[in-house]
Amino acid sequence: LREAGVEVVGPVWDQRVGRAENPAFFHLCAHDTPFVAVKLAVSLDGKVAARPGVRTQLTDTEAQREVHRLRTGFDAVLIGAGTLRADDPRLTVRLVPPGRTAPKRLVLDPRGELPAGAAILADIDSAPLHVFVRADLDELDIGRLEGLGAHVHPVAVDEAGLLSLPEVLRRCRDLGIESILCEGGPRLAASLLREGLAQRLYLFLAPTTVGPEGVAVVPPETRSLPLDEFRHAAPPSLHGRDVLLVLDREAA
C-alpha cells in the first residue's frame, strides 16, 4: 500500500490478535479447505451427555443463544449421524437475529439413514441440507435422500471405514463453503482435532456434573487430543452460568 502511494497507519494489532479476529480469512489465504471450528459443551466431570444416544442439555439459555450467534458467522454447520439420531437438531438460527444468509446444514451419514421425519428437514427450503454418504451406497438410498430434499455427496472412506474427512472438506470447498462450525459429538470432534483439520475450538464449560455413566468428551479409543497445539484466542467469557473458552491452533 505504501509503495502505491497510500498513507498507512498501523498495523494497530499484532499478527496474532489480527488472525484471531478474522481467522477464516487468513486460513483461506493459505489453504484450499474451509476454516473449521469445533463447538463442545462439557460438564465439570468431562462429560458431554448423560448416556450414549441420550440428548443432554448441559448449558443454559444464554450459552445456547451464543451458539446461535456463532452460527450466523459460519457458512455451514456440521454434525455426524450419531448427533442426528440422539439430538434430532434443526441447526438453524432462531435465538438471535439471523445473518445475511442461513448457514447450510452438513450431515455425515455414511449409510444414508436420515429418517423422513427428522427435524432438520423442516427448514430445507430456507437452509440447504447436504448429506455425505459412502461412495458405495446403493443408488436407491441416495435417491431416497434426494427425494427428501437433501443434496447427496458420496465420498470415500478411510482405513477405519469412516468417511474421509479431508475429502468431505474438499467437497465443501467446491460447494463454496469457506467456514464450518462443527456441532457434532466427541468422536467427530476428536477426529477433526486429531487430523489437524480444526483450527478453532469453542469450549463451553457447564457448572454441573453428569456421573460415571456419562459420555466422555474424549472418546475411549482416543488416548488424548492435541490440545497443547491450541492457545487462547480471547479471554474467557461468561454466558449465564456457563463459561466459554475460545482456543486457536497455533500456526506451524
C-alpha atoms as a PDB file:
ATOM      1  CA  LEU A   1       0.000   0.000   0.000  1.00  0.00           C
ATOM      2  CA  ARG A   2       2.821   2.394   0.861  1.00  0.00           C
ATOM      3  CA  GLU A   3       4.597   1.579  -2.410  1.00  0.00           C
ATOM      4  CA  ALA A   4       1.368   2.538  -4.201  1.00  0.00           C
ATOM      5  CA  GLY A   5       1.411   5.940  -2.514  1.00  0.00           C
ATOM      6  CA  VAL A   6      -1.242   5.209   0.133  1.00  0.00           C
ATOM      7  CA  GLU A   7      -0.676   6.576   3.615  1.00  0.00           C
ATOM      8  CA  VAL A   8      -0.750   3.617   6.005  1.00  0.00           C
ATOM      9  CA  VAL A   9      -1.293   3.908   9.758  1.00  0.00           C
ATOM     10  CA  GLY A  10      -0.529   0.782  11.714  1.00  0.00           C
ATOM     11  CA  PRO A  11      -0.780  -2.125  11.961  1.00  0.00           C
ATOM     12  CA  VAL A  12      -2.841  -1.400  15.055  1.00  0.00           C
ATOM     13  CA  TRP A  13      -2.835  -5.064  16.119  1.00  0.00           C
ATOM     14  CA  ASP A  14      -0.053  -7.600  16.219  1.00  0.00           C
ATOM     15  CA  GLN A  15      -0.391 -10.557  13.866  1.00  0.00           C
ATOM     16  CA  ARG A  16      -1.777 -12.966  16.460  1.00  0.00           C
ATOM     17  CA  VAL A  17      -4.612 -10.639  17.516  1.00  0.00           C
ATOM     18  CA  GLY A  18      -5.481  -9.869  13.910  1.00  0.00           C
ATOM     19  CA  ARG A  19      -5.650 -13.518  12.959  1.00  0.00           C
ATOM     20  CA  ALA A  20      -7.833 -14.309  15.973  1.00  0.00           C
ATOM     21  CA  GLU A  21     -10.246 -11.533  14.983  1.00  0.00           C
ATOM     22  CA  ASN A  22     -10.781 -12.877  11.455  1.00  0.00           C
ATOM     23  CA  PRO A  23      -9.356 -16.414  11.395  1.00  0.00           C
ATOM     24  CA  ALA A  24     -11.338 -17.768   8.448  1.00  0.00           C
ATOM     25  CA  PHE A  25      -9.986 -15.077   6.107  1.00  0.00           C
ATOM     26  CA  PHE A  26      -6.360 -15.785   6.953  1.00  0.00           C
ATOM     27  CA  HIS A  27      -6.896 -19.544   6.798  1.00  0.00           C
ATOM     28  CA  LEU A  28      -8.377 -19.312   3.298  1.00  0.00           C
ATOM     29  CA  CYS A  29      -5.425 -17.241   2.106  1.00  0.00           C
ATOM     30  CA  ALA A  30      -3.132 -20.214   2.654  1.00  0.00           C
ATOM     31  CA  HIS A  31      -5.336 -23.328   2.396  1.00  0.00           C
ATOM     32  CA  ASP A  32      -7.754 -24.877  -0.094  1.00  0.00           C
ATOM     33  CA  THR A  33     -10.055 -26.288   2.597  1.00  0.00           C
ATOM     34  CA  PRO A  34     -12.638 -24.463   4.730  1.00  0.00           C
ATOM     35  CA  PHE A  35     -11.860 -22.956   8.115  1.00  0.00           C
ATOM     36  CA  VAL A  36     -13.256 -25.391  10.704  1.00  0.00           C
ATOM     37  CA  ALA A  37     -14.238 -24.611  14.285  1.00  0.00           C
ATOM     38  CA  VAL A  38     -15.397 -27.240  16.787  1.00  0.00           C
ATOM     39  CA  LYS A  39     -18.003 -26.466  19.444  1.00  0.00           C
ATOM     40  CA  LEU A  40     -18.297 -28.651  22.535  1.00  0.00           C
ATOM     41  CA  ALA A  41     -20.255 -28.293  25.770  1.00  0.00           C
ATOM     42  CA  VAL A  42     -18.640 -30.142  28.671  1.00  0.00           C
ATOM     43  CA  SER A  43     -19.616 -30.772  32.292  1.00  0.00           C
ATOM     44  CA  LEU A  44     -17.211 -30.352  35.196  1.00  0.00           C
ATOM     45  CA  ASP A  45     -16.581 -34.093  35.182  1.00  0.00           C
ATOM     46  CA  GLY A  46     -15.645 -34.068  31.491  1.00  0.00           C
ATOM     47  CA  LYS A  47     -18.876 -35.417  30.007  1.00  0.00           C
ATOM     48  CA  VAL A  48     -20.962 -34.294  27.035  1.00  0.00           C
ATOM     49  CA  ALA A  49     -24.100 -36.382  27.632  1.00  0.00           C
ATOM     50  CA  ALA A  50     -25.803 -38.371  30.384  1.00  0.00           C
ATOM     51  CA  ARG A  51     -25.665 -41.635  28.405  1.00  0.00           C
ATOM     52  CA  PRO A  52     -24.858 -42.675  24.829  1.00  0.00           C
ATOM     53  CA  GLY A  53     -27.639 -41.707  22.449  1.00  0.00           C
ATOM     54  CA  VAL A  54     -29.444 -39.529  25.032  1.00  0.00           C
ATOM     55  CA  ARG A  55     -29.943 -35.838  24.332  1.00  0.00           C
ATOM     56  CA  THR A  56     -28.498 -33.876  27.256  1.00  0.00           C
ATOM     57  CA  GLN A  57     -28.726 -30.102  27.622  1.00  0.00           C
ATOM     58  CA  LEU A  58     -25.711 -29.113  29.710  1.00  0.00           C
ATOM     59  CA  THR A  59     -25.755 -25.350  29.089  1.00  0.00           C
ATOM     60  CA  ASP A  60     -28.404 -22.726  29.846  1.00  0.00           C
ATOM     61  CA  THR A  61     -30.271 -20.377  27.528  1.00  0.00           C
ATOM     62  CA  GLU A  62     -27.575 -17.686  27.416  1.00  0.00           C
ATOM     63  CA  ALA A  63     -24.973 -20.162  26.170  1.00  0.00           C
ATOM     64  CA  GLN A  64     -27.445 -21.587  23.650  1.00  0.00           C
ATOM     65  CA  ARG A  65     -28.065 -18.066  22.402  1.00  0.00           C
ATOM     66  CA  GLU A  66     -24.314 -17.579  21.953  1.00  0.00           C
ATOM     67  CA  VAL A  67     -24.131 -20.780  19.897  1.00  0.00           C
ATOM     68  CA  HIS A  68     -26.876 -19.456  17.607  1.00  0.00           C
ATOM     69  CA  ARG A  69     -24.949 -16.184  17.302  1.00  0.00           C
ATOM     70  CA  LEU A  70     -21.834 -18.141  16.340  1.00  0.00           C
ATOM     71  CA  ARG A  71     -23.789 -19.977  13.637  1.00  0.00           C
ATOM     72  CA  THR A  72     -24.525 -16.684  11.895  1.00  0.00           C
ATOM     73  CA  GLY A  73     -20.788 -16.202  11.318  1.00  0.00           C
ATOM     74  CA  PHE A  74     -20.253 -19.517   9.510  1.00  0.00           C
ATOM     75  CA  ASP A  75     -21.211 -20.723   6.053  1.00  0.00           C
ATOM     76  CA  ALA A  76     -22.275 -24.133   7.363  1.00  0.00           C
ATOM     77  CA  VAL A  77     -22.915 -26.214  10.486  1.00  0.00           C
ATOM     78  CA  LEU A  78     -21.684 -29.817  10.614  1.00  0.00           C
ATOM     79  CA  ILE A  79     -22.824 -32.873  12.607  1.00  0.00           C
ATOM     80  CA  GLY A  80     -22.460 -36.644  12.352  1.00  0.00           C
ATOM     81  CA  ALA A  81     -25.099 -39.352  12.198  1.00  0.00           C
ATOM     82  CA  GLY A  82     -24.831 -40.018  15.952  1.00  0.00           C
ATOM     83  CA  THR A  83     -25.762 -36.452  16.855  1.00  0.00           C
ATOM     84  CA  LEU A  84     -28.541 -36.541  14.291  1.00  0.00           C
ATOM     85  CA  ARG A  85     -30.055 -39.617  15.961  1.00  0.00           C
ATOM     86  CA  ALA A  86     -29.549 -38.504  19.557  1.00  0.00           C
ATOM     87  CA  ASP A  87     -30.474 -34.811  19.335  1.00  0.00           C
ATOM     88  CA  ASP A  88     -32.646 -34.567  16.191  1.00  0.00           C
ATOM     89  CA  PRO A  89     -31.442 -30.956  15.739  1.00  0.00           C
ATOM     90  CA  ARG A  90     -32.593 -28.303  13.269  1.00  0.00           C
ATOM     91  CA  LEU A  91     -29.217 -26.477  13.166  1.00  0.00           C
ATOM     92  CA  THR A  92     -30.881 -23.179  12.274  1.00  0.00           C
ATOM     93  CA  VAL A  93     -30.538 -19.687  13.743  1.00  0.00           C
ATOM     94  CA  ARG A  94     -33.558 -18.983  15.951  1.00  0.00           C
ATOM     95  CA  LEU A  95     -32.440 -17.359  19.225  1.00  0.00           C
ATOM     96  CA  VAL A  96     -30.709 -14.323  17.676  1.00  0.00           C
ATOM     97  CA  PRO A  97     -31.277 -12.176  14.584  1.00  0.00           C
ATOM     98  CA  PRO A  98     -30.283 -14.212  11.519  1.00  0.00           C
ATOM     99  CA  GLY A  99     -27.300 -13.338   9.359  1.00  0.00           C
ATOM    100  CA  ARG A 100     -27.422 -12.343   5.714  1.00  0.00           C
ATOM    101  CA  THR A 101     -27.865 -15.968   4.649  1.00  0.00           C
ATOM    102  CA  ALA A 102     -28.876 -19.074   6.548  1.00  0.00           C
ATOM    103  CA  PRO A 103     -25.935 -21.436   7.179  1.00  0.00           C
ATOM    104  CA  LYS A 104     -26.026 -24.658   5.208  1.00  0.00           C
ATOM    105  CA  ARG A 105     -26.505 -27.852   7.248  1.00  0.00           C
ATOM    106  CA  LEU A 106     -23.985 -30.655   6.718  1.00  0.00           C
ATOM    107  CA  VAL A 107     -24.578 -34.222   7.934  1.00  0.00           C
ATOM    108  CA  LEU A 108     -22.112 -37.108   7.802  1.00  0.00           C
ATOM    109  CA  ASP A 109     -24.449 -40.056   7.277  1.00  0.00           C
ATOM    110  CA  PRO A 110     -22.374 -42.903   5.758  1.00  0.00           C
ATOM    111  CA  ARG A 111     -25.251 -45.368   5.421  1.00  0.00           C
ATOM    112  CA  GLY A 112     -27.858 -42.812   4.343  1.00  0.00           C
ATOM    113  CA  GLU A 113     -30.144 -43.412   7.304  1.00  0.00           C
ATOM    114  CA  LEU A 114     -31.571 -39.892   7.665  1.00  0.00           C
ATOM    115  CA  PRO A 115     -35.203 -40.500   8.726  1.00  0.00           C
ATOM    116  CA  ALA A 116     -38.016 -38.891   6.768  1.00  0.00           C
ATOM    117  CA  GLY A 117     -39.336 -37.288   9.973  1.00  0.00           C
ATOM    118  CA  ALA A 118     -36.047 -35.676  11.029  1.00  0.00           C
ATOM    119  CA  ALA A 119     -36.386 -32.117  12.339  1.00  0.00           C
ATOM    120  CA  ILE A 120     -33.546 -30.971  10.088  1.00  0.00           C
ATOM    121  CA  LEU A 121     -35.836 -31.436   7.073  1.00  0.00           C
ATOM    122  CA  ALA A 122     -38.372 -28.877   8.307  1.00  0.00           C
ATOM    123  CA  ASP A 123     -36.243 -25.909   7.176  1.00  0.00           C
ATOM    124  CA  ILE A 124     -34.861 -27.388   3.983  1.00  0.00           C
ATOM    125  CA  ASP A 125     -36.388 -24.700   1.755  1.00  0.00           C
ATOM    126  CA  SER A 126     -34.578 -21.875   3.563  1.00  0.00           C
ATOM    127  CA  ALA A 127     -31.436 -23.662   4.774  1.00  0.00           C
ATOM    128  CA  PRO A 128     -29.900 -26.179   2.327  1.00  0.00           C
ATOM    129  CA  LEU A 129     -29.084 -29.648   3.628  1.00  0.00           C
ATOM    130  CA  HIS A 130     -26.022 -31.543   2.364  1.00  0.00           C
ATOM    131  CA  VAL A 131     -25.625 -35.209   3.295  1.00  0.00           C
ATOM    132  CA  PHE A 132     -22.294 -37.006   2.869  1.00  0.00           C
ATOM    133  CA  VAL A 133     -22.529 -40.772   2.362  1.00  0.00           C
ATOM    134  CA  ARG A 134     -20.257 -43.698   1.486  1.00  0.00           C
ATOM    135  CA  ALA A 135     -19.224 -43.811  -2.156  1.00  0.00           C
ATOM    136  CA  ASP A 136     -20.606 -47.366  -2.443  1.00  0.00           C
ATOM    137  CA  LEU A 137     -24.058 -46.524  -1.034  1.00  0.00           C
ATOM    138  CA  ASP A 138     -26.912 -48.051  -3.024  1.00  0.00           C
ATOM    139  CA  GLU A 139     -28.478 -45.734  -5.601  1.00  0.00           C
ATOM    140  CA  LEU A 140     -31.915 -46.398  -4.087  1.00  0.00           C
ATOM    141  CA  ASP A 141     -30.731 -44.984  -0.744  1.00  0.00           C
ATOM    142  CA  ILE A 142     -29.236 -41.955  -2.467  1.00  0.00           C
ATOM    143  CA  GLY A 143     -32.474 -41.449  -4.365  1.00  0.00           C
ATOM    144  CA  ARG A 144     -34.470 -41.600  -1.117  1.00  0.00           C
ATOM    145  CA  LEU A 145     -32.327 -38.846   0.435  1.00  0.00           C
ATOM    146  CA  GLU A 146     -32.630 -36.702  -2.671  1.00  0.00           C
ATOM    147  CA  GLY A 147     -36.370 -37.240  -2.556  1.00  0.00           C
ATOM    148  CA  LEU A 148     -36.357 -35.734   0.927  1.00  0.00           C
ATOM    149  CA  GLY A 149     -34.736 -32.602  -0.499  1.00  0.00           C
ATOM    150  CA  ALA A 150     -31.117 -33.246   0.505  1.00  0.00           C
ATOM    151  CA  HIS A 151     -28.072 -32.700  -1.666  1.00  0.00           C
ATOM    152  CA  VAL A 152     -26.180 -36.019  -1.509  1.00  0.00           C
ATOM    153  CA  HIS A 153     -22.399 -36.308  -1.844  1.00  0.00           C
ATOM    154  CA  PRO A 154     -20.818 -39.804  -1.993  1.00  0.00           C
ATOM    155  CA  VAL A 155     -17.239 -39.779  -0.644  1.00  0.00           C
ATOM    156  CA  ALA A 156     -14.537 -42.342   0.011  1.00  0.00           C
ATOM    157  CA  VAL A 157     -13.986 -43.988   3.381  1.00  0.00           C
ATOM    158  CA  ASP A 158     -10.733 -44.156   5.323  1.00  0.00           C
ATOM    159  CA  GLU A 159      -8.910 -47.218   6.691  1.00  0.00           C
ATOM    160  CA  ALA A 160     -11.307 -47.363   9.654  1.00  0.00           C
ATOM    161  CA  GLY A 161     -14.338 -47.422   7.371  1.00  0.00           C
ATOM    162  CA  LEU A 162     -15.320 -43.856   8.269  1.00  0.00           C
ATOM    163  CA  LEU A 163     -15.995 -41.086   5.786  1.00  0.00           C
ATOM    164  CA  SER A 164     -12.757 -39.404   4.725  1.00  0.00           C
ATOM    165  CA  LEU A 165     -12.870 -36.025   6.464  1.00  0.00           C
ATOM    166  CA  PRO A 166     -10.266 -34.417   4.158  1.00  0.00           C
ATOM    167  CA  GLU A 167     -12.409 -35.380   1.159  1.00  0.00           C
ATOM    168  CA  VAL A 168     -15.547 -34.076   2.869  1.00  0.00           C
ATOM    169  CA  LEU A 169     -13.833 -30.725   3.441  1.00  0.00           C
ATOM    170  CA  ARG A 170     -12.605 -30.573  -0.157  1.00  0.00           C
ATOM    171  CA  ARG A 171     -16.148 -31.196  -1.374  1.00  0.00           C
ATOM    172  CA  CYS A 172     -17.374 -28.419   0.913  1.00  0.00           C
ATOM    173  CA  ARG A 173     -14.820 -26.013  -0.541  1.00  0.00           C
ATOM    174  CA  ASP A 174     -16.002 -26.937  -4.043  1.00  0.00           C
ATOM    175  CA  LEU A 175     -19.521 -26.004  -2.895  1.00  0.00           C
ATOM    176  CA  GLY A 176     -18.293 -22.531  -1.951  1.00  0.00           C
ATOM    177  CA  ILE A 177     -18.334 -23.259   1.789  1.00  0.00           C
ATOM    178  CA  GLU A 178     -15.456 -21.341   3.371  1.00  0.00           C
ATOM    179  CA  SER A 179     -16.158 -21.800   7.076  1.00  0.00           C
ATOM    180  CA  ILE A 180     -17.747 -24.636   9.090  1.00  0.00           C
ATOM    181  CA  LEU A 181     -18.906 -24.837  12.694  1.00  0.00           C
ATOM    182  CA  CYS A 182     -18.863 -28.460  13.860  1.00  0.00           C
ATOM    183  CA  GLU A 183     -21.531 -29.167  16.471  1.00  0.00           C
ATOM    184  CA  GLY A 184     -21.129 -32.931  16.343  1.00  0.00           C
ATOM    185  CA  GLY A 185     -20.283 -35.333  19.130  1.00  0.00           C
ATOM    186  CA  PRO A 186     -16.940 -36.176  20.718  1.00  0.00           C
ATOM    187  CA  ARG A 187     -15.904 -38.721  18.071  1.00  0.00           C
ATOM    188  CA  LEU A 188     -16.290 -36.311  15.169  1.00  0.00           C
ATOM    189  CA  ALA A 189     -14.681 -33.524  17.191  1.00  0.00           C
ATOM    190  CA  ALA A 190     -11.772 -35.780  18.148  1.00  0.00           C
ATOM    191  CA  SER A 191     -11.231 -36.830  14.528  1.00  0.00           C
ATOM    192  CA  LEU A 192     -11.135 -33.236  13.290  1.00  0.00           C
ATOM    193  CA  LEU A 193      -8.736 -32.221  16.050  1.00  0.00           C
ATOM    194  CA  ARG A 194      -6.525 -35.301  15.742  1.00  0.00           C
ATOM    195  CA  GLU A 195      -6.228 -34.993  11.949  1.00  0.00           C
ATOM    196  CA  GLY A 196      -5.311 -31.313  12.195  1.00  0.00           C
ATOM    197  CA  LEU A 197      -8.451 -30.239  10.329  1.00  0.00           C
ATOM    198  CA  ALA A 198      -9.903 -27.962  13.034  1.00  0.00           C
ATOM    199  CA  GLN A 199      -8.418 -24.515  13.560  1.00  0.00           C
ATOM    200  CA  ARG A 200     -10.581 -23.229  16.429  1.00  0.00           C
ATOM    201  CA  LEU A 201     -12.267 -24.714  19.497  1.00  0.00           C
ATOM    202  CA  TYR A 202     -15.286 -23.204  21.259  1.00  0.00           C
ATOM    203  CA  LEU A 203     -15.454 -24.962  24.634  1.00  0.00           C
ATOM    204  CA  PHE A 204     -18.468 -24.259  26.851  1.00  0.00           C
ATOM    205  CA  LEU A 205     -17.875 -25.329  30.458  1.00  0.00           C
ATOM    206  CA  ALA A 206     -21.106 -26.025  32.353  1.00  0.00           C
ATOM    207  CA  PRO A 207     -21.063 -25.956  36.197  1.00  0.00           C
ATOM    208  CA  THR A 208     -22.720 -29.344  36.552  1.00  0.00           C
ATOM    209  CA  THR A 209     -21.736 -32.993  36.797  1.00  0.00           C
ATOM    210  CA  VAL A 210     -23.159 -35.933  34.877  1.00  0.00           C
ATOM    211  CA  GLY A 211     -21.811 -39.022  36.623  1.00  0.00           C
ATOM    212  CA  PRO A 212     -19.968 -42.204  35.679  1.00  0.00           C
ATOM    213  CA  GLU A 213     -22.493 -43.278  33.021  1.00  0.00           C
ATOM    214  CA  GLY A 214     -21.939 -40.084  31.047  1.00  0.00           C
ATOM    215  CA  VAL A 215     -20.299 -39.852  27.628  1.00  0.00           C
ATOM    216  CA  ALA A 216     -16.718 -38.617  27.967  1.00  0.00           C
ATOM    217  CA  VAL A 217     -15.547 -35.650  25.916  1.00  0.00           C
ATOM    218  CA  VAL A 218     -12.505 -37.742  24.938  1.00  0.00           C
ATOM    219  CA  PRO A 219     -13.724 -40.985  23.304  1.00  0.00           C
ATOM    220  CA  PRO A 220     -12.381 -44.223  24.856  1.00  0.00           C
ATOM    221  CA  GLU A 221     -10.494 -45.146  21.675  1.00  0.00           C
ATOM    222  CA  THR A 222      -8.743 -41.757  21.678  1.00  0.00           C
ATOM    223  CA  ARG A 223      -5.900 -41.620  24.149  1.00  0.00           C
ATOM    224  CA  SER A 224      -5.561 -37.848  24.042  1.00  0.00           C
ATOM    225  CA  LEU A 225      -6.375 -34.785  21.981  1.00  0.00           C
ATOM    226  CA  PRO A 226      -3.716 -32.401  20.637  1.00  0.00           C
ATOM    227  CA  LEU A 227      -4.935 -29.533  22.783  1.00  0.00           C
ATOM    228  CA  ASP A 228      -1.375 -28.447  23.533  1.00  0.00           C
ATOM    229  CA  GLU A 229      -1.350 -27.087  19.962  1.00  0.00           C
ATOM    230  CA  PHE A 230      -4.065 -24.564  20.873  1.00  0.00           C
ATOM    231  CA  ARG A 231      -3.791 -21.199  22.601  1.00  0.00           C
ATOM    232  CA  HIS A 232      -6.407 -18.806  23.983  1.00  0.00           C
ATOM    233  CA  ALA A 233      -7.748 -16.572  21.219  1.00  0.00           C
ATOM    234  CA  ALA A 234      -9.838 -14.412  23.557  1.00  0.00           C
ATOM    235  CA  PRO A 235     -10.394 -14.003  27.292  1.00  0.00           C
ATOM    236  CA  PRO A 236     -12.919 -16.428  28.830  1.00  0.00           C
ATOM    237  CA  SER A 237     -16.470 -15.085  28.655  1.00  0.00           C
ATOM    238  CA  LEU A 238     -19.487 -15.763  30.850  1.00  0.00           C
ATOM    239  CA  HIS A 239     -22.837 -16.675  29.269  1.00  0.00           C
ATOM    240  CA  GLY A 240     -25.338 -17.064  32.078  1.00  0.00           C
ATOM    241  CA  ARG A 241     -23.744 -19.643  34.355  1.00  0.00           C
ATOM    242  CA  ASP A 242     -21.569 -21.166  31.622  1.00  0.00           C
ATOM    243  CA  VAL A 243     -18.012 -20.196  30.671  1.00  0.00           C
ATOM    244  CA  LEU A 244     -16.824 -20.077  27.058  1.00  0.00           C
ATOM    245  CA  LEU A 245     -13.184 -20.690  26.159  1.00  0.00           C
ATOM    246  CA  VAL A 246     -12.061 -19.846  22.610  1.00  0.00           C
ATOM    247  CA  LEU A 247      -8.846 -21.567  21.525  1.00  0.00           C
ATOM    248  CA  ASP A 248      -6.988 -21.288  18.204  1.00  0.00           C
ATOM    249  CA  ARG A 249      -4.471 -23.722  16.769  1.00  0.00           C
ATOM    250  CA  GLU A 250      -1.009 -22.249  16.703  1.00  0.00           C
ATOM    251  CA  ALA A 251       0.420 -21.748  13.215  1.00  0.00           C
ATOM    252  CA  ALA A 252       3.226 -24.141  12.319  1.00  0.00           C
END
